[in-house]
N, C-alpha and C. Protein backbone atom coordinates (compact mmCIF):
# COMPACT_ATOMS: atom_id res chain seq x y z
N UNK A 1 -20.22 22.71 -38.39
CA UNK A 1 -20.34 22.50 -36.94
C UNK A 1 -20.68 23.77 -36.23
N UNK A 2 -20.11 24.94 -36.64
CA UNK A 2 -20.47 26.19 -36.08
C UNK A 2 -21.80 26.53 -36.40
N UNK A 3 -22.26 26.19 -37.62
CA UNK A 3 -23.70 26.51 -38.03
C UNK A 3 -24.64 25.74 -37.20
N UNK A 4 -24.36 24.45 -36.96
CA UNK A 4 -25.24 23.57 -36.13
C UNK A 4 -25.33 24.21 -34.68
N UNK A 5 -24.23 24.62 -34.18
CA UNK A 5 -24.15 25.21 -32.79
C UNK A 5 -25.12 26.48 -32.74
N UNK A 6 -24.88 27.33 -33.74
CA UNK A 6 -25.66 28.59 -33.75
C UNK A 6 -27.17 28.23 -33.97
N UNK A 7 -27.49 27.30 -34.82
CA UNK A 7 -28.89 26.86 -35.02
C UNK A 7 -29.51 26.34 -33.76
N UNK A 8 -28.68 25.51 -33.01
CA UNK A 8 -29.27 24.96 -31.70
C UNK A 8 -29.45 26.00 -30.70
N UNK A 9 -28.53 27.02 -30.64
CA UNK A 9 -28.63 28.13 -29.66
C UNK A 9 -29.89 28.93 -30.07
N UNK A 10 -30.06 29.18 -31.30
CA UNK A 10 -31.21 30.10 -31.70
C UNK A 10 -32.50 29.36 -31.44
N UNK A 11 -32.54 27.96 -31.68
CA UNK A 11 -33.71 27.21 -31.41
C UNK A 11 -34.09 27.21 -29.91
N UNK A 12 -33.03 27.18 -29.15
CA UNK A 12 -33.27 27.22 -27.62
C UNK A 12 -33.72 28.61 -27.22
N UNK A 13 -33.24 29.61 -27.83
CA UNK A 13 -33.61 30.96 -27.45
C UNK A 13 -35.07 31.19 -27.84
N UNK A 14 -35.40 30.76 -29.03
CA UNK A 14 -36.81 30.90 -29.48
C UNK A 14 -37.77 30.19 -28.61
N UNK A 15 -37.35 28.99 -28.13
CA UNK A 15 -38.17 28.20 -27.26
C UNK A 15 -38.34 28.73 -25.86
N UNK A 16 -37.58 29.70 -25.47
CA UNK A 16 -37.68 30.29 -24.13
C UNK A 16 -38.78 31.35 -24.16
N UNK A 17 -39.55 31.27 -23.07
CA UNK A 17 -40.64 32.28 -22.98
C UNK A 17 -40.10 33.73 -22.82
N UNK A 18 -40.61 34.68 -23.61
CA UNK A 18 -40.16 36.02 -23.57
C UNK A 18 -40.53 36.65 -22.27
N UNK A 19 -41.58 36.21 -21.56
CA UNK A 19 -41.82 36.78 -20.29
C UNK A 19 -40.80 36.42 -19.29
N UNK A 20 -40.22 35.20 -19.49
CA UNK A 20 -39.17 34.85 -18.54
C UNK A 20 -37.88 35.76 -18.75
N UNK A 21 -37.65 36.30 -19.92
CA UNK A 21 -36.55 37.18 -20.09
C UNK A 21 -36.81 38.47 -19.39
N UNK A 22 -37.89 38.84 -19.17
CA UNK A 22 -38.17 40.20 -18.54
C UNK A 22 -37.54 40.27 -17.12
N UNK A 23 -37.57 39.16 -16.47
CA UNK A 23 -37.01 39.15 -15.03
C UNK A 23 -35.44 39.05 -14.96
N UNK A 24 -34.84 38.78 -16.06
CA UNK A 24 -33.39 38.57 -16.06
C UNK A 24 -32.63 39.83 -16.43
N UNK A 25 -31.53 39.98 -15.80
CA UNK A 25 -30.70 41.11 -16.20
C UNK A 25 -29.70 40.55 -17.20
N UNK A 26 -28.79 41.42 -17.61
CA UNK A 26 -27.84 41.08 -18.65
C UNK A 26 -26.87 40.03 -18.26
N UNK A 27 -26.41 40.04 -17.07
CA UNK A 27 -25.54 38.97 -16.58
C UNK A 27 -26.16 37.63 -16.59
N UNK A 28 -27.47 37.64 -16.19
CA UNK A 28 -28.18 36.26 -16.18
C UNK A 28 -28.36 35.85 -17.65
N UNK A 29 -28.66 36.73 -18.59
CA UNK A 29 -28.84 36.30 -19.92
C UNK A 29 -27.50 35.70 -20.47
N UNK A 30 -26.30 36.32 -20.12
CA UNK A 30 -25.05 35.80 -20.48
C UNK A 30 -24.85 34.43 -19.89
N UNK A 31 -25.26 34.25 -18.61
CA UNK A 31 -25.13 32.94 -17.97
C UNK A 31 -25.94 31.90 -18.71
N UNK A 32 -27.19 32.31 -19.08
CA UNK A 32 -28.02 31.35 -19.85
C UNK A 32 -27.34 30.88 -21.07
N UNK A 33 -26.76 31.82 -21.84
CA UNK A 33 -26.00 31.46 -23.06
C UNK A 33 -24.91 30.61 -22.74
N UNK A 34 -24.16 30.73 -21.65
CA UNK A 34 -23.05 29.98 -21.31
C UNK A 34 -23.54 28.42 -20.92
N UNK A 35 -24.62 28.56 -20.20
CA UNK A 35 -25.24 27.19 -19.78
C UNK A 35 -25.68 26.38 -20.97
N UNK A 36 -26.24 27.03 -21.91
CA UNK A 36 -26.73 26.43 -23.09
C UNK A 36 -25.52 25.86 -23.95
N UNK A 37 -24.46 26.70 -24.05
CA UNK A 37 -23.30 26.28 -24.73
C UNK A 37 -22.68 25.04 -24.06
N UNK A 38 -22.55 25.01 -22.75
CA UNK A 38 -22.03 23.89 -22.05
C UNK A 38 -22.95 22.68 -22.24
N UNK A 39 -24.21 22.85 -22.28
CA UNK A 39 -25.16 21.74 -22.42
C UNK A 39 -24.94 21.13 -23.84
N UNK A 40 -24.70 22.01 -24.82
CA UNK A 40 -24.39 21.33 -26.18
C UNK A 40 -23.06 20.67 -26.21
N UNK A 41 -22.05 21.16 -25.45
CA UNK A 41 -20.80 20.48 -25.31
C UNK A 41 -21.01 19.03 -24.73
N UNK A 42 -21.83 19.05 -23.69
CA UNK A 42 -22.14 17.74 -23.00
C UNK A 42 -22.83 16.80 -23.91
N UNK A 43 -23.77 17.35 -24.80
CA UNK A 43 -24.48 16.46 -25.81
C UNK A 43 -23.46 15.96 -26.80
N UNK A 44 -22.46 16.75 -27.19
CA UNK A 44 -21.50 16.27 -28.15
C UNK A 44 -20.65 15.17 -27.53
N UNK A 45 -20.35 15.30 -26.22
CA UNK A 45 -19.50 14.31 -25.50
C UNK A 45 -20.35 12.96 -25.41
N UNK A 46 -21.62 13.10 -25.14
CA UNK A 46 -22.40 11.88 -25.13
C UNK A 46 -22.44 11.10 -26.47
N UNK A 47 -22.39 11.85 -27.51
CA UNK A 47 -22.42 11.29 -28.81
C UNK A 47 -21.07 10.70 -29.25
N UNK A 48 -19.92 11.18 -28.64
CA UNK A 48 -18.66 10.85 -29.00
C UNK A 48 -18.17 9.67 -28.24
N UNK A 49 -17.02 9.10 -28.69
CA UNK A 49 -16.40 7.85 -28.08
C UNK A 49 -14.98 8.11 -27.75
N UNK A 50 -14.39 7.35 -26.87
CA UNK A 50 -13.01 7.24 -26.71
C UNK A 50 -12.34 8.56 -26.30
N UNK A 51 -11.22 8.85 -26.91
CA UNK A 51 -10.49 10.02 -26.55
C UNK A 51 -11.19 11.38 -26.95
N UNK A 52 -12.04 11.31 -27.93
CA UNK A 52 -12.81 12.45 -28.30
C UNK A 52 -13.80 12.86 -27.18
N UNK A 53 -14.40 11.82 -26.62
CA UNK A 53 -15.34 12.01 -25.50
C UNK A 53 -14.58 12.60 -24.39
N UNK A 54 -13.51 12.10 -24.03
CA UNK A 54 -12.61 12.61 -22.92
C UNK A 54 -12.30 14.08 -23.13
N UNK A 55 -11.91 14.44 -24.31
CA UNK A 55 -11.56 15.79 -24.61
C UNK A 55 -12.77 16.73 -24.50
N UNK A 56 -13.94 16.25 -24.97
CA UNK A 56 -15.26 17.03 -24.88
C UNK A 56 -15.57 17.19 -23.42
N UNK A 57 -15.43 16.15 -22.63
CA UNK A 57 -15.81 16.17 -21.24
C UNK A 57 -14.90 17.13 -20.51
N UNK A 58 -13.59 17.18 -20.84
CA UNK A 58 -12.63 18.20 -20.25
C UNK A 58 -13.10 19.58 -20.53
N UNK A 59 -13.52 19.86 -21.83
CA UNK A 59 -13.97 21.08 -22.19
C UNK A 59 -15.27 21.47 -21.45
N UNK A 60 -16.15 20.57 -21.33
CA UNK A 60 -17.38 20.86 -20.65
C UNK A 60 -17.08 21.20 -19.20
N UNK A 61 -16.22 20.38 -18.57
CA UNK A 61 -15.91 20.73 -17.21
C UNK A 61 -15.24 22.09 -16.93
N UNK A 62 -14.42 22.43 -17.89
CA UNK A 62 -13.88 23.80 -17.82
C UNK A 62 -14.88 24.88 -17.99
N UNK A 63 -15.80 24.64 -18.96
CA UNK A 63 -16.87 25.60 -19.07
C UNK A 63 -17.83 25.69 -17.91
N UNK A 64 -18.01 24.55 -17.25
CA UNK A 64 -18.94 24.61 -16.02
C UNK A 64 -18.25 25.30 -14.92
N UNK A 65 -16.88 25.03 -14.75
CA UNK A 65 -16.17 25.70 -13.67
C UNK A 65 -16.18 27.27 -13.85
N UNK A 66 -15.88 27.63 -15.05
CA UNK A 66 -15.94 29.10 -15.35
C UNK A 66 -17.29 29.72 -15.03
N UNK A 67 -18.31 29.01 -15.53
CA UNK A 67 -19.63 29.58 -15.38
C UNK A 67 -20.06 29.65 -13.84
N UNK A 68 -19.70 28.51 -13.09
CA UNK A 68 -20.01 28.50 -11.70
C UNK A 68 -19.29 29.53 -10.96
N UNK A 69 -18.00 29.82 -11.31
CA UNK A 69 -17.29 30.90 -10.68
C UNK A 69 -17.91 32.20 -10.86
N UNK A 70 -18.41 32.43 -12.04
CA UNK A 70 -19.08 33.69 -12.38
C UNK A 70 -20.37 33.87 -11.69
N UNK A 71 -21.17 32.75 -11.63
CA UNK A 71 -22.45 32.76 -11.01
C UNK A 71 -22.31 32.93 -9.39
N UNK A 72 -21.24 32.46 -8.88
CA UNK A 72 -21.02 32.52 -7.39
C UNK A 72 -20.99 34.02 -7.06
N UNK A 73 -20.38 34.87 -7.91
CA UNK A 73 -20.25 36.30 -7.41
C UNK A 73 -21.36 37.25 -8.04
N UNK A 74 -22.32 36.64 -8.68
CA UNK A 74 -23.44 37.54 -9.24
C UNK A 74 -24.32 37.97 -8.02
N UNK A 75 -24.76 39.20 -8.12
CA UNK A 75 -25.65 39.69 -7.14
C UNK A 75 -26.68 40.54 -7.89
N UNK A 76 -27.90 40.70 -7.29
CA UNK A 76 -28.90 41.54 -7.81
C UNK A 76 -28.50 43.01 -7.80
N UNK A 77 -28.97 43.71 -8.75
CA UNK A 77 -28.57 45.23 -8.86
C UNK A 77 -29.18 45.91 -7.50
N UNK A 78 -28.36 46.84 -7.17
CA UNK A 78 -28.98 47.73 -6.03
C UNK A 78 -30.17 48.55 -6.54
N UNK A 79 -31.09 48.79 -5.69
CA UNK A 79 -32.24 49.60 -6.05
C UNK A 79 -33.39 48.90 -6.65
N UNK A 80 -33.28 47.56 -6.64
CA UNK A 80 -34.39 46.74 -7.15
C UNK A 80 -35.58 46.79 -6.21
N UNK A 81 -36.76 46.69 -6.71
CA UNK A 81 -37.96 46.54 -5.82
C UNK A 81 -37.88 45.16 -5.24
N UNK A 82 -38.70 44.91 -4.26
CA UNK A 82 -38.66 43.58 -3.61
C UNK A 82 -39.13 42.45 -4.71
N UNK A 83 -40.10 42.90 -5.47
CA UNK A 83 -40.59 41.98 -6.53
C UNK A 83 -39.49 41.67 -7.60
N UNK A 84 -38.81 42.66 -8.00
CA UNK A 84 -37.67 42.48 -8.95
C UNK A 84 -36.51 41.61 -8.32
N UNK A 85 -36.25 41.90 -7.03
CA UNK A 85 -35.32 41.06 -6.34
C UNK A 85 -35.75 39.56 -6.24
N UNK A 86 -36.98 39.36 -5.93
CA UNK A 86 -37.42 38.01 -5.88
C UNK A 86 -37.35 37.30 -7.19
N UNK A 87 -37.77 38.09 -8.33
CA UNK A 87 -37.66 37.47 -9.57
C UNK A 87 -36.23 37.20 -10.13
N UNK A 88 -35.29 38.07 -9.66
CA UNK A 88 -33.90 37.81 -9.94
C UNK A 88 -33.37 36.51 -9.26
N UNK A 89 -33.75 36.42 -7.99
CA UNK A 89 -33.31 35.23 -7.23
C UNK A 89 -34.00 33.96 -7.91
N UNK A 90 -35.26 34.04 -8.35
CA UNK A 90 -35.88 32.89 -8.91
C UNK A 90 -35.12 32.49 -10.26
N UNK A 91 -34.74 33.50 -11.04
CA UNK A 91 -34.03 33.21 -12.21
C UNK A 91 -32.58 32.62 -11.92
N UNK A 92 -31.96 33.11 -10.93
CA UNK A 92 -30.64 32.63 -10.50
C UNK A 92 -30.74 31.20 -10.01
N UNK A 93 -31.81 30.81 -9.30
CA UNK A 93 -32.09 29.47 -8.88
C UNK A 93 -32.30 28.57 -10.02
N UNK A 94 -33.01 29.02 -11.02
CA UNK A 94 -33.28 28.22 -12.27
C UNK A 94 -31.96 27.88 -12.93
N UNK A 95 -31.08 28.92 -13.05
CA UNK A 95 -29.77 28.72 -13.70
C UNK A 95 -28.97 27.77 -12.84
N UNK A 96 -28.92 27.80 -11.46
CA UNK A 96 -28.26 26.87 -10.72
C UNK A 96 -28.80 25.50 -10.82
N UNK A 97 -30.03 25.32 -11.04
CA UNK A 97 -30.58 24.01 -11.19
C UNK A 97 -30.15 23.38 -12.56
N UNK A 98 -30.18 24.22 -13.56
CA UNK A 98 -29.68 23.79 -14.89
C UNK A 98 -28.16 23.27 -14.74
N UNK A 99 -27.37 24.03 -14.09
CA UNK A 99 -26.03 23.63 -13.82
C UNK A 99 -25.96 22.42 -13.15
N UNK A 100 -26.78 22.13 -12.11
CA UNK A 100 -26.70 20.87 -11.30
C UNK A 100 -27.14 19.77 -12.17
N UNK A 101 -28.20 19.92 -13.13
CA UNK A 101 -28.59 18.94 -13.99
C UNK A 101 -27.54 18.50 -14.91
N UNK A 102 -26.76 19.51 -15.47
CA UNK A 102 -25.65 19.20 -16.33
C UNK A 102 -24.53 18.44 -15.54
N UNK A 103 -24.27 18.85 -14.28
CA UNK A 103 -23.21 18.17 -13.50
C UNK A 103 -23.60 16.66 -13.35
N UNK A 104 -24.85 16.39 -13.13
CA UNK A 104 -25.37 15.08 -12.97
C UNK A 104 -25.14 14.28 -14.29
N UNK A 105 -25.45 14.92 -15.43
CA UNK A 105 -25.25 14.34 -16.73
C UNK A 105 -23.82 13.96 -16.97
N UNK A 106 -22.97 14.99 -16.54
CA UNK A 106 -21.52 14.79 -16.66
C UNK A 106 -21.10 13.57 -15.79
N UNK A 107 -21.52 13.53 -14.53
CA UNK A 107 -21.16 12.41 -13.75
C UNK A 107 -21.51 11.14 -14.28
N UNK A 108 -22.77 11.04 -14.84
CA UNK A 108 -23.18 9.71 -15.44
C UNK A 108 -22.29 9.33 -16.59
N UNK A 109 -21.92 10.32 -17.41
CA UNK A 109 -21.01 9.97 -18.52
C UNK A 109 -19.62 9.49 -18.06
N UNK A 110 -19.13 10.15 -16.92
CA UNK A 110 -17.82 9.72 -16.46
C UNK A 110 -17.98 8.37 -15.86
N UNK A 111 -19.08 8.08 -15.25
CA UNK A 111 -19.26 6.62 -14.74
C UNK A 111 -19.31 5.64 -15.82
N UNK A 112 -19.83 6.00 -16.97
CA UNK A 112 -19.90 5.06 -18.13
C UNK A 112 -18.46 4.86 -18.75
N UNK A 113 -17.63 5.82 -18.52
CA UNK A 113 -16.32 5.70 -19.17
C UNK A 113 -15.36 4.76 -18.35
N UNK A 114 -15.71 4.55 -17.20
CA UNK A 114 -14.81 3.71 -16.28
C UNK A 114 -14.84 2.25 -16.64
């Protein structure tokens, strides 16, 4: 299971454009990893049934809350040029969109469970 997770993360990282990484700072790279881990947890929940699905959904929700809390306090570094600042904001918005997409997926799963 751990090997599958690592393989999926590596595949996702390799699929990411290296030019996109240039505009990200270390905190954003960490958030990307958190978002990918949460996405994998959501995919596991989608594949599971019953109590296992509920447990995985709870784990996903906790991961999302922790990530959202950290993203809410992220700020661009001081001393950035306007272009760097704009690139940082753009990357942050992409991360927020990924979070929203996962929350929608989570919502759909919860609606199926009712």
